[in-house]
C-alpha atoms as a PDB file:
ATOM      1  CA  MET A   1       0.000   0.000   0.000  1.00  0.00           C
ATOM      2  CA  SER A   2       1.324   3.466  -0.880  1.00  0.00           C
ATOM      3  CA  GLU A   3       2.449   6.061   1.643  1.00  0.00           C
ATOM      4  CA  VAL A   4      -0.562   8.211   0.774  1.00  0.00           C
ATOM      5  CA  HIS A   5      -3.080   5.459   1.398  1.00  0.00           C
ATOM      6  CA  GLU A   6      -1.336   4.411   4.610  1.00  0.00           C
ATOM      7  CA  GLN A   7      -1.576   7.900   6.051  1.00  0.00           C
ATOM      8  CA  ASP A   8      -5.078   8.610   4.767  1.00  0.00           C
ATOM      9  CA  ARG A   9      -6.623   5.613   6.542  1.00  0.00           C
ATOM     10  CA  ALA A  10      -8.305   6.160   9.891  1.00  0.00           C
ATOM     11  CA  ALA A  11      -6.320   4.858  12.840  1.00  0.00           C
ATOM     12  CA  GLY A  12      -9.090   2.661  14.209  1.00  0.00           C
ATOM     13  CA  GLY A  13     -12.812   2.644  14.635  1.00  0.00           C
ATOM     14  CA  GLY A  14     -13.139   6.209  15.982  1.00  0.00           C
ATOM     15  CA  ALA A  15     -13.928   9.401  14.129  1.00  0.00           C
ATOM     16  CA  ALA A  16     -12.371   9.587  10.702  1.00  0.00           C
ATOM     17  CA  ARG A  17      -9.086  11.463  10.742  1.00  0.00           C
ATOM     18  CA  PRO A  18      -8.463  14.209   8.171  1.00  0.00           C
ATOM     19  CA  THR A  19      -7.055  13.013   4.883  1.00  0.00           C
ATOM     20  CA  MET A  20      -3.548  13.954   3.876  1.00  0.00           C
ATOM     21  CA  ARG A  21      -5.021  16.423   1.375  1.00  0.00           C
ATOM     22  CA  ASP A  22      -6.980  18.087   4.175  1.00  0.00           C
ATOM     23  CA  ALA A  23      -3.901  18.147   6.397  1.00  0.00           C
ATOM     24  CA  LEU A  24      -1.854  19.839   3.678  1.00  0.00           C
ATOM     25  CA  VAL A  25      -4.553  22.440   3.025  1.00  0.00           C
ATOM     26  CA  GLU A  26      -4.941  23.174   6.735  1.00  0.00           C
ATOM     27  CA  ALA A  27      -1.186  23.501   7.195  1.00  0.00           C
ATOM     28  CA  ALA A  28      -0.866  25.722   4.127  1.00  0.00           C
ATOM     29  CA  PHE A  29      -3.601  28.156   5.152  1.00  0.00           C
ATOM     30  CA  GLY A  30      -2.306  28.325   8.684  1.00  0.00           C
ATOM     31  CA  LEU A  31       1.126  29.327   7.386  1.00  0.00           C
ATOM     32  CA  PHE A  32      -0.304  31.725   4.801  1.00  0.00           C
ATOM     33  CA  SER A  33      -2.190  33.488   7.584  1.00  0.00           C
ATOM     34  CA  GLU A  34       0.858  33.597   9.843  1.00  0.00           C
ATOM     35  CA  ARG A  35       3.650  34.377   7.369  1.00  0.00           C
ATOM     36  CA  GLY A  36       2.003  35.363   4.114  1.00  0.00           C
ATOM     37  CA  PHE A  37       1.706  33.396   0.898  1.00  0.00           C
ATOM     38  CA  GLU A  38       4.955  34.492  -0.714  1.00  0.00           C
ATOM     39  CA  GLN A  39       6.963  33.839   2.457  1.00  0.00           C
ATOM     40  CA  THR A  40       5.642  30.288   2.860  1.00  0.00           C
ATOM     41  CA  THR A  41       7.423  27.482   1.020  1.00  0.00           C
ATOM     42  CA  ILE A  42       6.259  24.012   0.120  1.00  0.00           C
ATOM     43  CA  ASP A  43       8.883  22.679   2.521  1.00  0.00           C
ATOM     44  CA  ASP A  44       7.246  24.709   5.288  1.00  0.00           C
ATOM     45  CA  ILE A  45       3.840  23.226   4.449  1.00  0.00           C
ATOM     46  CA  VAL A  46       4.934  19.604   4.354  1.00  0.00           C
ATOM     47  CA  SER A  47       6.970  20.027   7.535  1.00  0.00           C
ATOM     48  CA  LEU A  48       3.948  21.339   9.427  1.00  0.00           C
ATOM     49  CA  ALA A  49       1.686  18.645   7.946  1.00  0.00           C
ATOM     50  CA  GLY A  50       4.243  15.961   8.828  1.00  0.00           C
ATOM     51  CA  VAL A  51       4.599  14.519   5.316  1.00  0.00           C
ATOM     52  CA  GLY A  52       7.210  14.556   2.565  1.00  0.00           C
ATOM     53  CA  ARG A  53       7.461  16.689  -0.559  1.00  0.00           C
ATOM     54  CA  ARG A  54       6.513  13.713  -2.744  1.00  0.00           C
ATOM     55  CA  SER A  55       3.237  13.461  -0.896  1.00  0.00           C
ATOM     56  CA  PHE A  56       2.507  17.135  -1.512  1.00  0.00           C
ATOM     57  CA  PHE A  57       2.992  16.773  -5.255  1.00  0.00           C
ATOM     58  CA  ARG A  58       0.728  13.730  -5.375  1.00  0.00           C
ATOM     59  CA  TYR A  59      -2.115  16.096  -4.551  1.00  0.00           C
ATOM     60  CA  PHE A  60      -1.055  19.519  -5.785  1.00  0.00           C
ATOM     61  CA  PRO A  61       1.144  20.513  -8.734  1.00  0.00           C
ATOM     62  CA  SER A  62       2.082  23.847  -7.155  1.00  0.00           C
ATOM     63  CA  LYS A  63       1.760  26.020  -4.068  1.00  0.00           C
ATOM     64  CA  GLU A  64      -0.967  28.003  -5.857  1.00  0.00           C
ATOM     65  CA  ALA A  65      -3.017  24.838  -6.391  1.00  0.00           C
ATOM     66  CA  VAL A  66      -3.250  24.132  -2.659  1.00  0.00           C
ATOM     67  CA  VAL A  67      -5.330  27.309  -2.337  1.00  0.00           C
ATOM     68  CA  PHE A  68      -7.939  25.780  -4.674  1.00  0.00           C
ATOM     69  CA  PRO A  69      -8.087  22.153  -3.496  1.00  0.00           C
ATOM     70  CA  ASP A  70     -11.722  21.521  -4.353  1.00  0.00           C
ATOM     71  CA  HIS A  71     -12.004  22.775  -7.924  1.00  0.00           C
ATOM     72  CA  ASP A  72     -10.808  19.664  -9.736  1.00  0.00           C
ATOM     73  CA  GLY A  73     -13.474  17.589  -8.028  1.00  0.00           C
ATOM     74  CA  CYS A  74     -16.138  20.213  -8.719  1.00  0.00           C
ATOM     75  CA  LEU A  75     -15.143  20.381 -12.391  1.00  0.00           C
ATOM     76  CA  ALA A  76     -15.439  16.593 -12.635  1.00  0.00           C
ATOM     77  CA  ASP A  77     -18.897  16.772 -11.040  1.00  0.00           C
ATOM     78  CA  MET A  78     -19.932  19.488 -13.488  1.00  0.00           C
ATOM     79  CA  THR A  79     -18.718  17.461 -16.462  1.00  0.00           C
ATOM     80  CA  ALA A  80     -20.631  14.386 -15.284  1.00  0.00           C
ATOM     81  CA  PHE A  81     -23.761  16.451 -14.571  1.00  0.00           C
ATOM     82  CA  LEU A  82     -23.818  17.911 -18.085  1.00  0.00           C
ATOM     83  CA  ALA A  83     -23.074  14.545 -19.692  1.00  0.00           C
ATOM     84  CA  ALA A  84     -26.180  13.136 -17.997  1.00  0.00           C
ATOM     85  CA  ALA A  85     -28.403  16.105 -18.884  1.00  0.00           C
ATOM     86  CA  ASP A  86     -31.670  15.485 -20.759  1.00  0.00           C
ATOM     87  CA  PRO A  87     -31.091  16.100 -24.503  1.00  0.00           C
ATOM     88  CA  ALA A  88     -34.615  17.526 -24.706  1.00  0.00           C
ATOM     89  CA  GLY A  89     -34.079  19.977 -21.837  1.00  0.00           C
ATOM     90  CA  ASP A  90     -33.296  23.672 -22.075  1.00  0.00           C
ATOM     91  CA  PRO A  91     -29.490  23.826 -22.455  1.00  0.00           C
ATOM     92  CA  VAL A  92     -29.312  27.266 -20.848  1.00  0.00           C
ATOM     93  CA  GLU A  93     -31.099  26.048 -17.733  1.00  0.00           C
ATOM     94  CA  GLN A  94     -28.784  23.024 -17.695  1.00  0.00           C
ATOM     95  CA  VAL A  95     -25.581  25.074 -17.686  1.00  0.00           C
ATOM     96  CA  CYS A  96     -27.061  27.360 -15.020  1.00  0.00           C
ATOM     97  CA  ASP A  97     -27.782  24.313 -12.868  1.00  0.00           C
ATOM     98  CA  ALA A  98     -24.219  23.124 -13.489  1.00  0.00           C
ATOM     99  CA  ALA A  99     -22.903  26.486 -12.261  1.00  0.00           C
ATOM    100  CA  ARG A 100     -24.841  25.974  -9.026  1.00  0.00           C
ATOM    101  CA  LEU A 101     -22.526  23.052  -8.262  1.00  0.00           C
ATOM    102  CA  VAL A 102     -19.722  25.596  -7.899  1.00  0.00           C
ATOM    103  CA  LEU A 103     -21.891  27.699  -5.622  1.00  0.00           C
ATOM    104  CA  ARG A 104     -22.646  24.652  -3.466  1.00  0.00           C
ATOM    105  CA  MET A 105     -18.913  24.044  -3.064  1.00  0.00           C
ATOM    106  CA  TYR A 106     -18.286  27.615  -1.872  1.00  0.00           C
ATOM    107  CA  ALA A 107     -21.358  27.804   0.350  1.00  0.00           C
ATOM    108  CA  GLY A 108     -20.541  24.464   1.971  1.00  0.00           C
ATOM    109  CA  ASN A 109     -17.617  26.026   3.867  1.00  0.00           C
ATOM    110  CA  PRO A 110     -18.163  29.793   4.147  1.00  0.00           C
ATOM    111  CA  ALA A 111     -15.220  30.468   6.464  1.00  0.00           C
ATOM    112  CA  PHE A 112     -12.757  28.751   4.137  1.00  0.00           C
ATOM    113  CA  SER A 113     -14.264  30.386   1.045  1.00  0.00           C
ATOM    114  CA  VAL A 114     -14.124  33.887   2.531  1.00  0.00           C
ATOM    115  CA  GLY A 115     -10.548  33.321   3.731  1.00  0.00           C
ATOM    116  CA  ARG A 116      -9.479  32.110   0.304  1.00  0.00           C
ATOM    117  CA  TYR A 117     -11.154  35.090  -1.359  1.00  0.00           C
ATOM    118  CA  ARG A 118      -9.300  37.537   0.871  1.00  0.00           C
ATOM    119  CA  LEU A 119      -5.995  35.766   0.312  1.00  0.00           C
ATOM    120  CA  THR A 120      -6.510  35.690  -3.454  1.00  0.00           C
ATOM    121  CA  LYS A 121      -7.232  39.431  -3.508  1.00  0.00           C
ATOM    122  CA  GLN A 122      -3.811  40.030  -1.924  1.00  0.00           C
ATOM    123  CA  VAL A 123      -1.657  37.802  -4.144  1.00  0.00           C
ATOM    124  CA  PRO A 124      -1.418  38.464  -7.914  1.00  0.00           C
ATOM    125  CA  THR A 125      -0.248  34.936  -8.741  1.00  0.00           C
ATOM    126  CA  LEU A 126      -3.328  33.528  -7.041  1.00  0.00           C
ATOM    127  CA  ARG A 127      -5.601  35.812  -9.034  1.00  0.00           C
ATOM    128  CA  ILE A 128      -3.976  34.511 -12.207  1.00  0.00           C
ATOM    129  CA  HIS A 129      -4.454  30.924 -11.040  1.00  0.00           C
ATOM    130  CA  GLU A 130      -8.086  31.657 -10.191  1.00  0.00           C
ATOM    131  CA  LEU A 131      -8.676  32.997 -13.698  1.00  0.00           C
ATOM    132  CA  SER A 132      -7.383  29.737 -15.151  1.00  0.00           C
ATOM    133  CA  VAL A 133      -9.806  27.830 -12.912  1.00  0.00           C
ATOM    134  CA  VAL A 134     -12.734  29.999 -14.007  1.00  0.00           C
ATOM    135  CA  TRP A 135     -11.729  29.517 -17.638  1.00  0.00           C
ATOM    136  CA  ARG A 136     -11.921  25.721 -17.235  1.00  0.00           C
ATOM    137  CA  TYR A 137     -15.462  26.000 -15.892  1.00  0.00           C
ATOM    138  CA  GLU A 138     -16.465  28.302 -18.728  1.00  0.00           C
ATOM    139  CA  ARG A 139     -15.009  25.956 -21.360  1.00  0.00           C
ATOM    140  CA  THR A 140     -16.916  23.035 -19.851  1.00  0.00           C
ATOM    141  CA  LEU A 141     -20.206  24.955 -20.025  1.00  0.00           C
ATOM    142  CA  ALA A 142     -19.455  26.141 -23.554  1.00  0.00           C
ATOM    143  CA  GLY A 143     -18.645  22.602 -24.670  1.00  0.00           C
ATOM    144  CA  HIS A 144     -22.085  21.399 -23.591  1.00  0.00           C
ATOM    145  CA  LEU A 145     -23.777  24.317 -25.336  1.00  0.00           C
ATOM    146  CA  ARG A 146     -21.776  23.856 -28.531  1.00  0.00           C
ATOM    147  CA  THR A 147     -23.001  20.265 -28.720  1.00  0.00           C
ATOM    148  CA  ARG A 148     -26.605  21.323 -28.186  1.00  0.00           C
ATOM    149  CA  TYR A 149     -26.373  24.176 -30.711  1.00  0.00           C
ATOM    150  CA  ALA A 150     -24.356  22.267 -33.303  1.00  0.00           C
ATOM    151  CA  ALA A 151     -27.149  22.562 -35.895  1.00  0.00           C
ATOM    152  CA  ARG A 152     -27.266  26.361 -35.673  1.00  0.00           C
ATOM    153  CA  SER A 153     -25.163  28.539 -37.947  1.00  0.00           C
ATOM    154  CA  ASP A 154     -24.325  30.703 -34.928  1.00  0.00           C
ATOM    155  CA  GLY A 155     -23.999  27.739 -32.559  1.00  0.00           C
ATOM    156  CA  ALA A 156     -20.383  28.238 -31.519  1.00  0.00           C
ATOM    157  CA  LEU A 157     -20.815  31.974 -30.994  1.00  0.00           C
ATOM    158  CA  ARG A 158     -24.047  31.499 -29.078  1.00  0.00           C
ATOM    159  CA  ALA A 159     -22.486  28.801 -26.883  1.00  0.00           C
ATOM    160  CA  ASP A 160     -19.464  30.911 -25.956  1.00  0.00           C
ATOM    161  CA  VAL A 161     -21.530  34.026 -25.241  1.00  0.00           C
ATOM    162  CA  ILE A 162     -23.985  32.163 -23.020  1.00  0.00           C
ATOM    163  CA  ALA A 163     -21.219  30.330 -21.148  1.00  0.00           C
ATOM    164  CA  ALA A 164     -19.484  33.636 -20.454  1.00  0.00           C
ATOM    165  CA  ALA A 165     -22.791  35.140 -19.296  1.00  0.00           C
ATOM    166  CA  VAL A 166     -23.425  32.244 -16.906  1.00  0.00           C
ATOM    167  CA  VAL A 167     -19.973  32.587 -15.366  1.00  0.00           C
ATOM    168  CA  ALA A 168     -20.299  36.378 -15.096  1.00  0.00           C
ATOM    169  CA  ALA A 169     -23.732  36.172 -13.451  1.00  0.00           C
ATOM    170  CA  HIS A 170     -22.665  33.436 -11.020  1.00  0.00           C
ATOM    171  CA  ASN A 171     -19.444  35.204 -10.070  1.00  0.00           C
ATOM    172  CA  TYR A 172     -21.140  38.582  -9.618  1.00  0.00           C
ATOM    173  CA  ALA A 173     -23.441  37.183  -6.939  1.00  0.00           C
ATOM    174  CA  LEU A 174     -20.820  34.892  -5.404  1.00  0.00           C
ATOM    175  CA  ARG A 175     -18.169  37.598  -5.060  1.00  0.00           C
ATOM    176  CA  SER A 176     -20.667  40.026  -3.547  1.00  0.00           C
ATOM    177  CA  TRP A 177     -21.334  37.389  -0.889  1.00  0.00           C
ATOM    178  CA  LEU A 178     -17.625  36.763  -0.329  1.00  0.00           C
ATOM    179  CA  ARG A 179     -16.929  40.489   0.017  1.00  0.00           C
ATOM    180  CA  SER A 180     -19.634  40.677   2.679  1.00  0.00           C
ATOM    181  CA  GLY A 181     -17.828  38.011   4.711  1.00  0.00           C
ATOM    182  CA  GLY A 182     -20.338  35.308   3.835  1.00  0.00           C
ATOM    183  CA  GLU A 183     -23.418  37.188   5.045  1.00  0.00           C
ATOM    184  CA  GLY A 184     -26.840  36.802   3.441  1.00  0.00           C
ATOM    185  CA  ASP A 185     -28.533  34.248   1.212  1.00  0.00           C
ATOM    186  CA  VAL A 186     -26.014  33.591  -1.545  1.00  0.00           C
ATOM    187  CA  GLY A 187     -28.236  30.921  -3.079  1.00  0.00           C
ATOM    188  CA  ALA A 188     -31.045  33.404  -3.686  1.00  0.00           C
ATOM    189  CA  ALA A 189     -28.596  35.955  -5.088  1.00  0.00           C
ATOM    190  CA  VAL A 190     -27.108  33.459  -7.535  1.00  0.00           C
ATOM    191  CA  ASP A 191     -30.586  32.251  -8.540  1.00  0.00           C
ATOM    192  CA  GLU A 192     -31.590  35.818  -9.365  1.00  0.00           C
ATOM    193  CA  ALA A 193     -28.440  36.409 -11.412  1.00  0.00           C
ATOM    194  CA  LEU A 194     -28.749  33.150 -13.340  1.00  0.00           C
ATOM    195  CA  GLN A 195     -32.443  33.729 -14.017  1.00  0.00           C
ATOM    196  CA  LEU A 196     -31.432  36.812 -15.970  1.00  0.00           C
ATOM    197  CA  VAL A 197     -29.358  34.576 -18.251  1.00  0.00           C
ATOM    198  CA  VAL A 198     -32.237  32.116 -18.686  1.00  0.00           C
ATOM    199  CA  ASP A 199     -34.687  34.930 -19.419  1.00  0.00           C
ATOM    200  CA  THR A 200     -32.330  36.341 -22.033  1.00  0.00           C
ATOM    201  CA  TRP A 201     -31.072  33.179 -23.742  1.00  0.00           C
ATOM    202  CA  GLY A 202     -33.246  30.254 -22.679  1.00  0.00           C
ATOM    203  CA  ASP A 203     -35.676  28.373 -24.897  1.00  0.00           C
ATOM    204  CA  GLY A 204     -38.580  30.496 -23.677  1.00  0.00           C
ATOM    205  CA  ALA A 205     -36.803  33.825 -24.244  1.00  0.00           C
ATOM    206  CA  ASP A 206     -37.423  36.244 -27.086  1.00  0.00           C
ATOM    207  CA  GLY A 207     -34.751  35.596 -29.645  1.00  0.00           C
ATOM    208  CA  GLY A 208     -34.592  31.899 -28.818  1.00  0.00           C
ATOM    209  CA  ALA A 209     -34.026  29.164 -31.356  1.00  0.00           C
ATOM    210  CA  GLY A 210     -37.611  28.955 -32.595  1.00  0.00           C
ATOM    211  CA  PRO A 211     -38.789  30.558 -35.841  1.00  0.00           C
ATOM    212  CA  ALA A 212     -40.683  33.829 -35.728  1.00  0.00           C
ATOM    213  CA  SER A 213     -44.452  33.519 -35.441  1.00  0.00           C
ATOM    214  CA  GLN A 214     -46.885  35.284 -37.770  1.00  0.00           C
ATOM    215  CA  ASP A 215     -47.350  37.973 -35.117  1.00  0.00           C
ATOM    216  CA  ASP A 216     -43.627  38.724 -35.329  1.00  0.00           C
ATOM    217  CA  GLU A 217     -43.591  39.345 -39.091  1.00  0.00           C
ATOM    218  CA  VAL A 218     -41.996  42.574 -40.265  1.00  0.00           C
ATOM    219  CA  VAL A 219     -43.867  44.795 -42.709  1.00  0.00           C
ATOM    220  CA  VAL A 220     -41.771  46.831 -45.140  1.00  0.00           C
ATOM    221  CA  MET A 221     -43.384  49.598 -47.175  1.00  0.00           C
ATOM    222  CA  VAL A 222     -41.770  51.450 -50.070  1.00  0.00           C
ATOM    223  CA  ALA A 223     -42.928  54.962 -50.910  1.00  0.00           C
ATOM    224  CA  ARG A 224     -41.697  57.592 -53.348  1.00  0.00           C
ATOM    225  CA  ARG A 225     -39.909  60.597 -51.927  1.00  0.00           C
ATOM    226  CA  GLY A 226     -42.439  63.365 -51.325  1.00  0.00           C
ATOM    227  CA  THR A 227     -45.395  61.028 -50.763  1.00  0.00           C
ATOM    228  CA  PRO A 228     -47.781  62.727 -48.303  1.00  0.00           C
ATOM    229  CA  MET A 229     -47.514  61.292 -44.815  1.00  0.00           C
ATOM    230  CA  TRP A 230     -51.227  60.547 -44.667  1.00  0.00           C
ATOM    231  CA  ARG A 231     -50.825  58.293 -47.705  1.00  0.00           C
ATOM    232  CA  VAL A 232     -47.809  56.508 -46.099  1.00  0.00           C
ATOM    233  CA  VAL A 233     -49.836  55.878 -42.946  1.00  0.00           C
ATOM    234  CA  GLN A 234     -52.772  54.689 -45.031  1.00  0.00           C
ATOM    235  CA  GLY A 235     -50.492  52.232 -46.851  1.00  0.00           C
ATOM    236  CA  VAL A 236     -49.044  50.865 -43.590  1.00  0.00           C
ATOM    237  CA  GLU A 237     -52.517  50.393 -42.133  1.00  0.00           C
ATOM    238  CA  ALA A 238     -53.636  48.546 -45.255  1.00  0.00           C
ATOM    239  CA  ALA A 239     -50.595  46.261 -45.125  1.00  0.00           C
ATOM    240  CA  LEU A 240     -51.116  45.450 -41.426  1.00  0.00           C
ATOM    241  CA  GLU A 241     -54.757  44.643 -41.988  1.00  0.00           C
ATOM    242  CA  GLY A 242     -54.037  42.479 -45.048  1.00  0.00           C
END
């Protein structure tokens, strides 16, 4: 059995002990709070956690990655959720529901999420890493939408625009909650933001994929320059009544 599995097993029938991943994250954030991110080394983290450097790199490719320990799992959940989505369902509602998986991850541990947000605001390299994480979520949403809109001439454009809108709406509400220190109903705030995306782009929205109805037809009238306005109005009225 590997070193990781040996140390991740509970030491008996009592309460489950933290996993090595959890121990590394806890050690890292404790040191970041005490010394600062830049001043903390990977050697410092593994020493406090009581493991070796090899163990650290089994879980995290870099010091930046330890600040975002839950995103890989959340991205995998999102991918699986979209793969299982009903092909007949509204794709915009589906990607909005997928974004709520990210919200659930943040809201599940408010203290950690707020602490990470504050740390990320202070460290430029972490902001860059966070952008790469957000981009992976956006590409996953866009991939689902591109598949659903493959028959449309504007399918790729539509997919990318909607995916970006979902991420922007979700992050607007989420970051407002994080800035407040985790106060308020973040679920309701995210629901409101995502509903705007559904109302704008969903199957039931104006400008959706369906063809225009007869009531939406456009009437074009051609008149010679100098035609009296009363005659132009008369012609429009006749066309609308026809």
